Protein backbone atom coordinates (compact mmCIF):
# COMPACT_ATOMS: atom_id res chain seq x y z
CA MET A 1 0.06 2.63 -8.91
CA ARG A 2 -3.59 2.03 -7.81
CA VAL A 3 -6.47 -0.60 -9.18
CA ARG A 4 -7.94 1.76 -11.45
CA ASP A 5 -4.23 1.87 -13.61
CA LEU A 6 -4.04 -1.79 -14.25
CA PRO A 7 -4.87 -2.63 -17.73
CA SER A 8 -8.47 -3.73 -18.32
CA GLU A 9 -6.96 -7.57 -19.72
CA ALA A 10 -5.62 -7.56 -16.00
CA LEU A 11 -7.49 -10.97 -14.25
CA LEU A 12 -8.30 -10.86 -10.83
CA VAL A 13 -7.17 -13.79 -8.73
CA GLN A 14 -8.26 -14.29 -5.26
CA ASP A 15 -8.54 -17.93 -4.21
CA SER A 16 -5.60 -18.90 -2.20
CA GLN A 17 -4.99 -22.28 -4.05
CA ASP A 18 -5.01 -19.82 -7.41
CA ARG A 19 -2.76 -17.35 -5.84
CA ARG A 20 -0.24 -19.98 -4.74
CA ALA A 21 -0.39 -21.54 -7.92
CA VAL A 22 0.50 -18.18 -9.71
CA LEU A 23 3.34 -17.01 -7.31
CA GLU A 24 4.80 -20.52 -7.85
CA SER A 25 4.74 -20.88 -11.23
CA VAL A 26 6.77 -17.29 -11.85
CA GLY A 27 9.15 -18.34 -9.12
CA LEU A 28 8.39 -16.11 -6.21
CA GLY A 29 8.54 -17.81 -2.32
CA HIS A 30 11.57 -19.95 -3.58
CA GLY A 31 14.82 -19.53 -2.41
CA PRO A 32 16.99 -18.43 0.76
CA GLY A 33 14.48 -16.38 2.86
CA LEU A 34 11.55 -16.56 0.70
CA ASP A 35 8.17 -17.98 2.03
CA LEU A 36 5.50 -18.77 -0.63
CA GLU A 37 2.88 -19.09 2.37
CA ALA A 38 3.75 -15.86 3.93
CA LEU A 39 3.27 -14.22 0.23
CA VAL A 40 -0.08 -15.98 -0.10
CA ARG A 41 -1.39 -14.36 3.30
CA GLU A 42 0.34 -11.19 2.59
CA TYR A 43 -1.42 -10.60 -1.02
CA PRO A 44 -4.98 -12.07 -0.28
CA THR A 45 -5.67 -10.25 -4.10
CA LEU A 46 -3.70 -10.44 -7.12
CA PHE A 47 -4.21 -9.43 -10.94
CA VAL A 48 -2.50 -11.08 -13.47
CA GLU A 49 -2.02 -10.19 -17.20
CA VAL A 50 -1.11 -13.52 -19.41
CA GLY A 51 0.06 -13.57 -22.67
CA GLU A 52 1.38 -16.52 -24.82
CA GLY A 53 0.77 -19.17 -22.52
CA GLU A 54 2.32 -17.57 -19.24
CA TYR A 55 2.12 -14.89 -16.80
CA ARG A 56 3.42 -11.70 -17.94
CA LYS A 57 2.63 -9.53 -15.19
CA VAL A 58 1.43 -10.04 -11.49
CA TRP A 59 0.54 -7.58 -9.43
CA GLY A 60 -0.28 -7.91 -5.50
CA ILE A 61 -2.88 -5.88 -3.27
CA ARG A 62 -2.61 -6.04 0.57
CA ARG A 63 -6.16 -6.20 0.88
CA LEU A 64 -9.10 -8.80 -0.26
CA VAL A 65 -11.25 -6.17 -1.80
CA PRO A 66 -9.91 -4.06 -4.64
CA TYR A 67 -11.09 -0.54 -4.43
CA LEU A 68 -10.47 1.52 -7.16
CA ASP A 69 -7.99 3.65 -4.94
CA GLU A 70 -6.40 0.61 -3.64
CA PRO A 71 -2.34 0.74 -4.16
CA VAL A 72 -0.91 -2.10 -6.18
CA GLU A 73 2.52 -3.46 -6.08
CA VAL A 74 4.00 -5.30 -9.33
CA LEU A 75 5.24 -8.56 -7.57
CA TYR A 76 6.73 -10.19 -11.01
CA ALA A 77 7.29 -8.87 -14.68
CA ALA A 78 8.47 -11.12 -17.24
CA ALA A 79 11.64 -10.02 -19.02
């Protein structure tokens, strides 16, 4: 999947404090062998899909500039 394939309602999140808050709120970076700060550094750009007051999906990009051809990884998807 690439940036251009993301849904149009996906929101861009690049501020480190905002990225940290998103990742924390979906439970990423907690538990054995998981490091929240490492995830914040590894993914300087996130896109999030919000629904019903919660994050429905979180995608990460390993570069700061989200070029349309940049690959994205699903980091979280609500059940």
